[in-house]
Protein backbone atom coordinates (compact mmCIF):
# COMPACT_ATOMS: atom_id res chain seq x y z
CA MET A 1 135.54 108.93 101.10
CA LYS A 2 135.26 108.07 97.45
CA LYS A 3 135.36 110.95 94.93
CA PRO A 4 132.31 111.18 92.64
CA LEU A 5 132.72 110.19 89.01
CA TYR A 6 131.73 112.64 86.31
CA ARG A 7 130.82 112.41 82.64
CA THR A 8 130.78 115.12 79.99
CA VAL A 9 127.37 116.34 78.84
CA ILE A 10 126.51 118.83 76.13
CA ILE A 11 124.32 121.86 76.75
CA ALA A 12 122.62 123.58 73.83
CA GLY A 13 120.19 126.44 73.59
CA TYR A 14 119.42 129.75 71.99
CA VAL A 15 121.10 132.71 73.69
CA SER A 16 121.59 136.33 72.75
CA SER A 17 125.06 137.63 71.99
CA SER A 18 124.99 139.58 75.27
CA GLU A 19 124.37 136.34 77.22
CA ARG A 20 127.14 134.29 75.62
CA LYS A 21 129.90 135.21 78.08
CA GLN A 22 127.79 134.09 81.05
CA PHE A 23 127.20 130.71 79.43
CA GLU A 24 130.79 130.27 78.29
CA ASP A 25 131.92 130.73 81.90
CA ILE A 26 130.23 127.51 83.02
CA GLU A 27 132.09 125.28 80.58
CA ASN A 28 133.73 122.29 82.23
CA LYS A 29 132.21 123.08 85.66
CA LYS A 30 130.99 120.14 87.71
CA PHE A 31 127.33 119.63 88.61
CA GLU A 32 125.47 117.00 90.61
CA THR A 33 122.19 117.03 88.62
CA LYS A 34 120.73 118.29 85.34
CA GLU A 35 118.49 120.56 87.39
CA ASP A 36 121.61 122.19 88.89
CA ILE A 37 122.87 122.91 85.38
CA LEU A 38 119.60 124.52 84.32
CA LYS A 39 119.45 126.52 87.54
CA GLU A 40 122.96 127.87 86.88
CA LEU A 41 121.88 128.88 83.38
CA GLY A 42 118.71 130.53 84.68
CA GLY A 43 116.44 128.45 82.46
CA ASP A 44 114.50 125.23 82.32
CA SER A 45 114.32 122.16 80.13
CA GLU A 46 112.42 124.11 77.45
CA ASP A 47 115.23 126.69 77.19
CA PHE A 48 118.21 124.32 77.03
CA LEU A 49 118.95 120.75 76.06
CA VAL A 50 121.24 118.75 78.30
CA LEU A 51 122.43 115.81 76.22
CA GLU A 52 124.73 112.88 76.74
CA LEU A 53 127.67 113.17 74.36
CA THR A 54 126.54 110.19 72.25
CA ASP A 55 122.99 111.60 71.94
CA PHE A 56 124.37 114.95 70.79
CA MET A 57 126.61 113.27 68.21
CA ASP A 58 123.71 111.14 66.93
CA ALA A 59 121.46 114.20 66.60
CA CYS A 60 124.13 116.07 64.64
CA ASN A 61 124.99 113.11 62.42
CA ASN A 62 121.31 112.42 61.71
CA GLN A 63 120.73 116.13 61.08
CA THR A 64 117.88 116.17 63.60
CA PHE A 65 119.45 118.90 65.69
CA PHE A 66 117.97 122.39 65.70
CA SER A 67 119.68 125.18 63.79
CA LEU A 68 123.20 125.72 65.07
CA ASP A 69 123.33 129.24 63.62
CA ASP A 70 121.64 130.97 66.54
CA SER A 71 122.56 128.58 69.32
CA TRP A 72 125.16 128.23 72.01
CA ILE A 73 126.73 124.84 72.64
CA GLY A 74 128.89 124.06 75.62
CA TYR A 75 129.85 121.24 77.92
CA VAL A 76 129.95 120.58 81.64
CA GLN A 77 130.74 117.67 83.89
CA LEU A 78 127.75 115.84 85.41
CA GLU A 79 128.04 113.48 88.34
CA ASN A 80 127.30 109.83 87.46
């Protein structure tokens, strides 16, 4: 049986300081779908962005990203 291939995706959202540890613990975990990621975080697509690495870089370089001051940014592995 062939192993699934994964790609790195960026997760970003606003979280309180008390929630940070929970979100940091999922970094580099593997997920099958974006919905699985959001379920693990206990939110939905309005609470967190799940971005391909290139989309995240473009948003930062174009300064179209929301304020990074109050946000949490992490990464996970998403099945191709």
